[in-house]
Structure formats: structure tokens, C-alpha cells
């Protein structure tokens, strides 16, 4: 009976380790996106010197990137 409990505990620990590894990987992706992708996209949009409706539509791209990052974090917490 004791051997069965050890197997169950090891399976539970494996699940926790996988969850933590996924969370760490996601945090790396979020850090890279926030520190590199969003500023690069903002600078590119600014340098492109868009005007009018096109500037409004293209200006939404960094917001959409942030929304995708939030959805990634929330999907992991479910």
C-alpha cells in the first residue's frame, strides 16, 4: 500500500514541475515581449510617420500585443 502512495505522490510532483516549467517559460516570453517587441513596434510605427486613419489603426498594434500576453497568462492560470 505504501508503494502505491509513493507513485501517486511522484505523479503529483511531476504535474507541479510541469506547471512551474510552463509558467517560467511564459514569464520569459512576456519579459522578451515587453522589453523588446512592444518598444520596437512603437518606434517603427513612430518612424513610419503614418497619418489619419492608418495611424489610428496601426497604433492599436502594441495594445493588441499586450492583450495577447495577458490572454497567455490567464490561459495558464485556468
C-alpha atoms as a PDB file:
ATOM      1  CA  UNK A   1       0.000   0.000   0.000  1.00  0.00           C
ATOM      2  CA  UNK A   2       2.883   2.339   0.769  1.00  0.00           C
ATOM      3  CA  UNK A   3       4.315   1.826  -2.718  1.00  0.00           C
ATOM      4  CA  UNK A   4       1.035   2.975  -4.268  1.00  0.00           C
ATOM      5  CA  UNK A   5       1.123   6.225  -2.280  1.00  0.00           C
ATOM      6  CA  UNK A   6       4.674   6.915  -3.462  1.00  0.00           C
ATOM      7  CA  UNK A   7       3.606   6.501  -7.094  1.00  0.00           C
ATOM      8  CA  UNK A   8       0.686   8.891  -6.612  1.00  0.00           C
ATOM      9  CA  UNK A   9       2.923  11.452  -4.927  1.00  0.00           C
ATOM     10  CA  UNK A  10       5.515  11.203  -7.715  1.00  0.00           C
ATOM     11  CA  UNK A  11       2.817  11.751 -10.356  1.00  0.00           C
ATOM     12  CA  UNK A  12       1.530  14.769  -8.438  1.00  0.00           C
ATOM     13  CA  UNK A  13       5.059  16.175  -8.195  1.00  0.00           C
ATOM     14  CA  UNK A  14       5.586  15.674 -11.932  1.00  0.00           C
ATOM     15  CA  UNK A  15       2.430  17.688 -12.635  1.00  0.00           C
ATOM     16  CA  UNK A  16       3.590  20.504 -10.382  1.00  0.00           C
ATOM     17  CA  UNK A  17       7.039  20.543 -12.014  1.00  0.00           C
ATOM     18  CA  UNK A  18       5.465  20.736 -15.487  1.00  0.00           C
ATOM     19  CA  UNK A  19       3.201  23.579 -14.352  1.00  0.00           C
ATOM     20  CA  UNK A  20       6.123  25.529 -12.908  1.00  0.00           C
ATOM     21  CA  UNK A  21       8.214  24.956 -16.046  1.00  0.00           C
ATOM     22  CA  UNK A  22       5.367  26.223 -18.243  1.00  0.00           C
ATOM     23  CA  UNK A  23       4.946  29.280 -16.012  1.00  0.00           C
ATOM     24  CA  UNK A  24       8.676  30.089 -16.139  1.00  0.00           C
ATOM     25  CA  UNK A  25       8.682  29.718 -19.917  1.00  0.00           C
ATOM     26  CA  UNK A  26       5.684  32.006 -20.193  1.00  0.00           C
ATOM     27  CA  UNK A  27       7.321  34.642 -18.000  1.00  0.00           C
ATOM     28  CA  UNK A  28      10.402  34.584 -20.261  1.00  0.00           C
ATOM     29  CA  UNK A  29       8.162  35.154 -23.282  1.00  0.00           C
ATOM     30  CA  UNK A  30       6.353  38.012 -21.509  1.00  0.00           C
ATOM     31  CA  UNK A  31       9.620  39.680 -20.482  1.00  0.00           C
ATOM     32  CA  UNK A  32      11.004  39.482 -24.005  1.00  0.00           C
ATOM     33  CA  UNK A  33       7.781  40.812 -25.496  1.00  0.00           C
ATOM     34  CA  UNK A  34       7.515  43.698 -23.061  1.00  0.00           C
ATOM     35  CA  UNK A  35      11.167  44.703 -23.189  1.00  0.00           C
ATOM     36  CA  UNK A  36      11.862  44.149 -26.900  1.00  0.00           C
ATOM     37  CA  UNK A  37       8.813  43.649 -29.100  1.00  0.00           C
ATOM     38  CA  UNK A  38       6.487  46.403 -27.888  1.00  0.00           C
ATOM     39  CA  UNK A  39       9.127  49.195 -27.858  1.00  0.00           C
ATOM     40  CA  UNK A  40      10.400  48.090 -31.263  1.00  0.00           C
ATOM     41  CA  UNK A  41       6.884  48.150 -32.703  1.00  0.00           C
ATOM     42  CA  UNK A  42       6.246  51.585 -31.167  1.00  0.00           C
ATOM     43  CA  UNK A  43       9.491  53.000 -32.618  1.00  0.00           C
ATOM     44  CA  UNK A  44       8.747  51.528 -36.026  1.00  0.00           C
ATOM     45  CA  UNK A  45       5.255  52.995 -36.050  1.00  0.00           C
ATOM     46  CA  UNK A  46       6.603  56.390 -34.997  1.00  0.00           C
ATOM     47  CA  UNK A  47       9.354  56.318 -37.625  1.00  0.00           C
ATOM     48  CA  UNK A  48       6.877  55.343 -40.342  1.00  0.00           C
ATOM     49  CA  UNK A  49       5.155  58.707 -39.844  1.00  0.00           C
ATOM     50  CA  UNK A  50       1.628  57.495 -40.572  1.00  0.00           C
ATOM     51  CA  UNK A  51      -1.246  59.967 -40.552  1.00  0.00           C
ATOM     52  CA  UNK A  52      -5.010  59.831 -40.372  1.00  0.00           C
ATOM     53  CA  UNK A  53      -6.975  56.626 -40.069  1.00  0.00           C
ATOM     54  CA  UNK A  54      -3.964  54.473 -40.867  1.00  0.00           C
ATOM     55  CA  UNK A  55      -2.094  55.924 -37.887  1.00  0.00           C
ATOM     56  CA  UNK A  56      -5.021  55.102 -35.602  1.00  0.00           C
ATOM     57  CA  UNK A  57      -5.290  51.523 -36.859  1.00  0.00           C
ATOM     58  CA  UNK A  58      -1.552  50.856 -36.751  1.00  0.00           C
ATOM     59  CA  UNK A  59      -1.334  52.478 -33.315  1.00  0.00           C
ATOM     60  CA  UNK A  60      -3.536  49.706 -31.934  1.00  0.00           C
ATOM     61  CA  UNK A  61      -0.936  47.015 -32.690  1.00  0.00           C
ATOM     62  CA  UNK A  62       1.042  47.426 -29.404  1.00  0.00           C
ATOM     63  CA  UNK A  63      -2.232  47.224 -27.481  1.00  0.00           C
ATOM     64  CA  UNK A  64      -3.120  44.006 -29.278  1.00  0.00           C
ATOM     65  CA  UNK A  65       0.280  42.543 -28.414  1.00  0.00           C
ATOM     66  CA  UNK A  66      -0.328  43.378 -24.743  1.00  0.00           C
ATOM     67  CA  UNK A  67      -3.800  41.787 -24.871  1.00  0.00           C
ATOM     68  CA  UNK A  68      -2.330  38.591 -26.308  1.00  0.00           C
ATOM     69  CA  UNK A  69       0.224  38.480 -23.492  1.00  0.00           C
ATOM     70  CA  UNK A  70      -2.499  38.888 -20.876  1.00  0.00           C
ATOM     71  CA  UNK A  71      -4.515  36.102 -22.501  1.00  0.00           C
ATOM     72  CA  UNK A  72      -1.471  33.825 -22.417  1.00  0.00           C
ATOM     73  CA  UNK A  73      -1.022  34.384 -18.698  1.00  0.00           C
ATOM     74  CA  UNK A  74      -4.719  33.884 -17.967  1.00  0.00           C
ATOM     75  CA  UNK A  75      -4.862  30.696 -20.035  1.00  0.00           C
ATOM     76  CA  UNK A  76      -2.071  29.209 -17.941  1.00  0.00           C
ATOM     77  CA  UNK A  77      -3.900  30.011 -14.694  1.00  0.00           C
ATOM     78  CA  UNK A  78      -7.050  28.126 -15.690  1.00  0.00           C
END
